[in-house]
């Protein structure tokens, strides 16, 4: 019986947690983009903080998933028209 070949995880397979600030323009505030994000990509979304008015939506979003899935999700958000910035300091440490 031949030995099983095990492949080493690559950097693409590495699971990561990323916190982002999302800023929505008025035309996107009512769209369920975070819901779509969780269905289009293999990422877990966790809203850490949010403030939404008629003029702007600001969301602190945590994304967990493989590195490539997180990168693709961020790219999709940007192409959709959402401004995406990394969180520099922990907003809520609970």
N, C-alpha and C. Protein backbone atom coordinates (compact mmCIF):
# COMPACT_ATOMS: atom_id res chain seq x y z
N UNK A 1 0.85 -1.18 0.00
CA UNK A 1 0.00 0.00 0.00
C UNK A 1 0.89 1.24 0.00
N UNK A 2 0.74 2.13 -0.98
CA UNK A 2 1.60 3.31 -1.06
C UNK A 2 1.29 4.29 0.07
N UNK A 3 2.32 4.99 0.50
CA UNK A 3 2.16 5.98 1.57
C UNK A 3 1.34 7.16 1.05
N UNK A 4 0.52 7.72 1.94
CA UNK A 4 -0.28 8.89 1.58
C UNK A 4 0.62 10.10 1.45
N UNK A 5 0.37 10.84 0.43
CA UNK A 5 1.11 12.08 0.23
C UNK A 5 0.39 13.20 0.95
N UNK A 6 1.09 13.89 1.82
CA UNK A 6 0.47 15.03 2.49
C UNK A 6 1.12 16.29 1.96
N UNK A 7 0.31 17.23 1.62
CA UNK A 7 0.85 18.48 1.10
C UNK A 7 0.94 19.50 2.22
N UNK A 8 1.99 20.26 2.17
CA UNK A 8 2.17 21.31 3.17
C UNK A 8 1.24 22.46 2.85
N UNK A 9 0.68 23.09 3.90
CA UNK A 9 -0.18 24.24 3.62
C UNK A 9 0.63 25.38 3.02
N UNK A 10 0.05 26.04 2.05
CA UNK A 10 0.70 27.20 1.43
C UNK A 10 0.17 28.46 2.09
N UNK A 11 0.76 29.59 1.75
CA UNK A 11 0.29 30.85 2.33
C UNK A 11 -1.15 31.15 1.92
N UNK A 12 -1.59 30.60 0.78
CA UNK A 12 -2.97 30.79 0.34
C UNK A 12 -3.94 30.04 1.24
N UNK A 13 -3.47 28.93 1.85
CA UNK A 13 -4.32 28.11 2.71
C UNK A 13 -4.39 28.65 4.13
N UNK A 14 -3.53 29.58 4.47
CA UNK A 14 -3.47 30.11 5.82
C UNK A 14 -4.77 30.83 6.16
N UNK A 15 -5.34 30.44 7.30
CA UNK A 15 -6.55 31.11 7.76
C UNK A 15 -6.14 32.39 8.48
N UNK A 16 -6.82 33.47 8.17
CA UNK A 16 -6.49 34.74 8.80
C UNK A 16 -7.74 35.46 9.25
N UNK A 17 -7.54 36.38 10.17
CA UNK A 17 -8.62 37.24 10.63
C UNK A 17 -8.21 38.67 10.30
N UNK A 18 -9.09 39.39 9.63
CA UNK A 18 -8.80 40.75 9.20
C UNK A 18 -9.92 41.66 9.65
N UNK A 19 -9.57 42.80 10.23
CA UNK A 19 -10.58 43.80 10.60
C UNK A 19 -10.47 44.98 9.63
N UNK A 20 -11.63 45.40 9.14
CA UNK A 20 -11.68 46.44 8.13
C UNK A 20 -12.72 47.50 8.49
N UNK A 21 -12.45 48.72 8.07
CA UNK A 21 -13.46 49.77 8.07
C UNK A 21 -14.07 49.81 6.68
N UNK A 22 -15.38 49.70 6.61
CA UNK A 22 -16.09 49.82 5.34
C UNK A 22 -16.87 51.12 5.36
N UNK A 23 -16.74 51.92 4.32
CA UNK A 23 -17.50 53.16 4.20
C UNK A 23 -18.35 53.07 2.94
N UNK A 24 -19.67 53.07 3.16
CA UNK A 24 -20.64 52.93 2.07
C UNK A 24 -21.10 54.30 1.60
N UNK A 25 -21.14 54.53 0.29
CA UNK A 25 -21.76 55.75 -0.22
C UNK A 25 -23.28 55.62 -0.12
N UNK A 26 -24.02 56.73 -0.20
CA UNK A 26 -25.48 56.68 -0.04
C UNK A 26 -26.18 55.65 -0.93
N UNK A 27 -25.73 55.48 -2.17
CA UNK A 27 -26.42 54.57 -3.10
C UNK A 27 -26.30 53.10 -2.68
N UNK A 28 -25.36 52.75 -1.80
CA UNK A 28 -25.16 51.35 -1.40
C UNK A 28 -25.65 51.03 0.01
N UNK A 29 -26.11 52.04 0.75
CA UNK A 29 -26.47 51.83 2.15
C UNK A 29 -27.55 50.76 2.34
N UNK A 30 -28.52 50.70 1.46
CA UNK A 30 -29.63 49.76 1.64
C UNK A 30 -29.37 48.38 1.04
N UNK A 31 -28.22 48.19 0.38
CA UNK A 31 -27.91 46.88 -0.22
C UNK A 31 -27.32 45.95 0.85
N UNK A 32 -27.68 44.66 0.83
CA UNK A 32 -27.17 43.71 1.84
C UNK A 32 -25.78 43.17 1.47
N UNK A 33 -24.80 44.06 1.38
CA UNK A 33 -23.48 43.67 0.89
C UNK A 33 -22.75 42.69 1.80
N UNK A 34 -22.90 42.83 3.11
CA UNK A 34 -22.21 41.92 4.03
C UNK A 34 -22.82 40.53 3.91
N UNK A 35 -24.13 40.45 3.76
CA UNK A 35 -24.79 39.16 3.53
C UNK A 35 -24.28 38.53 2.23
N UNK A 36 -24.22 39.33 1.16
CA UNK A 36 -23.72 38.84 -0.12
C UNK A 36 -22.29 38.35 0.00
N UNK A 37 -21.48 39.10 0.72
CA UNK A 37 -20.07 38.75 0.91
C UNK A 37 -19.92 37.36 1.52
N UNK A 38 -20.73 37.07 2.54
CA UNK A 38 -20.67 35.77 3.20
C UNK A 38 -21.17 34.63 2.33
N UNK A 39 -21.95 34.94 1.30
CA UNK A 39 -22.46 33.90 0.40
C UNK A 39 -21.59 33.72 -0.85
N UNK A 40 -20.94 34.79 -1.29
CA UNK A 40 -20.10 34.71 -2.48
C UNK A 40 -18.73 34.12 -2.19
N UNK A 41 -18.22 34.35 -0.97
CA UNK A 41 -16.86 33.95 -0.62
C UNK A 41 -16.88 33.09 0.64
N UNK A 42 -15.90 32.21 0.77
CA UNK A 42 -15.81 31.35 1.95
C UNK A 42 -15.15 32.13 3.08
N UNK A 43 -15.89 33.10 3.59
CA UNK A 43 -15.43 33.91 4.72
C UNK A 43 -16.55 33.99 5.75
N UNK A 44 -16.13 34.18 6.99
CA UNK A 44 -17.09 34.41 8.08
C UNK A 44 -17.05 35.90 8.37
N UNK A 45 -18.22 36.53 8.40
CA UNK A 45 -18.30 37.97 8.66
C UNK A 45 -18.78 38.20 10.09
N UNK A 46 -18.22 39.21 10.73
CA UNK A 46 -18.62 39.58 12.08
C UNK A 46 -18.61 41.10 12.16
N UNK A 47 -19.77 41.70 12.31
CA UNK A 47 -19.86 43.16 12.42
C UNK A 47 -19.46 43.53 13.85
N UNK A 48 -18.40 44.32 13.98
CA UNK A 48 -17.89 44.71 15.28
C UNK A 48 -18.44 46.07 15.73
N UNK A 49 -18.77 46.91 14.79
CA UNK A 49 -19.29 48.24 15.10
C UNK A 49 -19.91 48.79 13.82
N UNK A 50 -20.97 49.60 13.95
CA UNK A 50 -21.59 50.17 12.76
C UNK A 50 -22.30 51.48 13.09
N UNK A 51 -22.32 52.36 12.12
CA UNK A 51 -23.06 53.61 12.20
C UNK A 51 -23.59 53.89 10.80
N UNK A 52 -24.91 53.99 10.68
CA UNK A 52 -25.50 54.18 9.36
C UNK A 52 -26.48 55.35 9.40
N UNK A 53 -26.32 56.27 8.47
CA UNK A 53 -27.26 57.38 8.30
C UNK A 53 -27.72 57.36 6.85
N UNK A 54 -28.52 58.35 6.46
CA UNK A 54 -28.95 58.44 5.06
C UNK A 54 -27.79 58.83 4.14
N UNK A 55 -26.76 59.45 4.69
CA UNK A 55 -25.64 59.94 3.88
C UNK A 55 -24.48 58.97 3.77
N UNK A 56 -24.24 58.17 4.82
CA UNK A 56 -23.07 57.29 4.81
C UNK A 56 -23.28 56.11 5.76
N UNK A 57 -22.65 55.01 5.43
CA UNK A 57 -22.63 53.85 6.31
C UNK A 57 -21.19 53.53 6.63
N UNK A 58 -20.89 53.40 7.92
CA UNK A 58 -19.54 53.05 8.36
C UNK A 58 -19.64 51.78 9.19
N UNK A 59 -18.89 50.76 8.79
CA UNK A 59 -18.96 49.47 9.46
C UNK A 59 -17.55 48.97 9.75
N UNK A 60 -17.34 48.49 10.97
CA UNK A 60 -16.11 47.79 11.31
C UNK A 60 -16.43 46.31 11.16
N UNK A 61 -15.82 45.66 10.18
CA UNK A 61 -16.13 44.27 9.85
C UNK A 61 -14.91 43.40 10.05
N UNK A 62 -15.14 42.26 10.70
CA UNK A 62 -14.09 41.26 10.87
C UNK A 62 -14.34 40.15 9.85
N UNK A 63 -13.31 39.79 9.10
CA UNK A 63 -13.41 38.71 8.12
C UNK A 63 -12.47 37.59 8.53
N UNK A 64 -12.99 36.38 8.62
CA UNK A 64 -12.18 35.20 8.90
C UNK A 64 -12.27 34.28 7.69
N UNK A 65 -11.13 33.77 7.25
CA UNK A 65 -11.13 32.83 6.14
C UNK A 65 -9.73 32.64 5.61
N UNK A 66 -9.63 31.82 4.57
CA UNK A 66 -8.33 31.61 3.94
C UNK A 66 -7.91 32.92 3.29
N UNK A 67 -6.61 33.11 3.27
CA UNK A 67 -6.02 34.37 2.79
C UNK A 67 -6.58 34.78 1.42
N UNK A 68 -6.63 33.85 0.49
CA UNK A 68 -7.10 34.16 -0.86
C UNK A 68 -8.57 34.56 -0.88
N UNK A 69 -9.39 33.91 -0.04
CA UNK A 69 -10.82 34.24 0.02
C UNK A 69 -11.01 35.64 0.61
N UNK A 70 -10.23 35.98 1.63
CA UNK A 70 -10.32 37.32 2.23
C UNK A 70 -9.90 38.38 1.21
N UNK A 71 -8.81 38.13 0.50
CA UNK A 71 -8.35 39.08 -0.52
C UNK A 71 -9.40 39.27 -1.62
N UNK A 72 -10.01 38.17 -2.05
CA UNK A 72 -11.03 38.26 -3.09
C UNK A 72 -12.26 39.01 -2.59
N UNK A 73 -12.64 38.80 -1.34
CA UNK A 73 -13.79 39.49 -0.76
C UNK A 73 -13.54 40.99 -0.69
N UNK A 74 -12.34 41.38 -0.29
CA UNK A 74 -11.99 42.80 -0.21
C UNK A 74 -12.01 43.43 -1.60
N UNK A 75 -11.47 42.72 -2.57
CA UNK A 75 -11.46 43.22 -3.95
C UNK A 75 -12.89 43.42 -4.46
N UNK A 76 -13.78 42.47 -4.16
CA UNK A 76 -15.17 42.56 -4.57
C UNK A 76 -15.84 43.77 -3.94
N UNK A 77 -15.62 43.98 -2.63
CA UNK A 77 -16.20 45.14 -1.95
C UNK A 77 -15.76 46.44 -2.63
N UNK A 78 -14.48 46.53 -2.92
CA UNK A 78 -13.93 47.73 -3.55
C UNK A 78 -14.55 47.96 -4.93
N UNK A 79 -14.66 46.88 -5.72
CA UNK A 79 -15.26 46.99 -7.06
C UNK A 79 -16.73 47.39 -6.98
N UNK A 80 -17.39 47.01 -5.88
CA UNK A 80 -18.80 47.33 -5.68
C UNK A 80 -18.99 48.82 -5.37
N UNK A 81 -17.94 49.48 -4.89
CA UNK A 81 -18.03 50.91 -4.58
C UNK A 81 -17.87 51.24 -3.10
N UNK A 82 -17.53 50.23 -2.30
CA UNK A 82 -17.32 50.44 -0.87
C UNK A 82 -15.85 50.80 -0.65
N UNK A 83 -15.60 51.82 0.18
CA UNK A 83 -14.23 52.17 0.54
C UNK A 83 -13.80 51.23 1.66
N UNK A 84 -12.65 50.58 1.51
CA UNK A 84 -12.17 49.59 2.47
C UNK A 84 -10.81 50.01 3.01
N UNK A 85 -10.71 50.09 4.34
CA UNK A 85 -9.45 50.45 5.00
C UNK A 85 -9.20 49.47 6.13
N UNK A 86 -7.93 49.09 6.38
CA UNK A 86 -7.64 48.21 7.50
C UNK A 86 -7.84 48.94 8.83
N UNK A 87 -8.26 48.21 9.87
CA UNK A 87 -8.38 48.78 11.21
C UNK A 87 -7.00 48.76 11.83
N UNK A 88 -6.55 49.92 12.30
CA UNK A 88 -5.21 50.03 12.88
C UNK A 88 -5.18 49.64 14.36
N UNK A 89 -6.24 50.02 15.09
CA UNK A 89 -6.30 49.78 16.52
C UNK A 89 -7.55 48.97 16.82
N UNK A 90 -7.45 48.07 17.78
CA UNK A 90 -8.61 47.27 18.16
C UNK A 90 -9.72 48.18 18.66
N UNK A 91 -10.89 48.12 18.01
CA UNK A 91 -12.01 48.98 18.35
C UNK A 91 -12.72 48.48 19.58
N UNK A 92 -13.04 47.20 19.59
CA UNK A 92 -13.74 46.59 20.72
C UNK A 92 -12.96 45.36 21.11
N UNK A 93 -12.42 45.34 22.28
CA UNK A 93 -11.59 44.21 22.72
C UNK A 93 -12.37 43.32 23.67
N UNK A 94 -13.54 42.87 23.23
CA UNK A 94 -14.32 41.99 24.10
C UNK A 94 -14.72 40.73 23.36
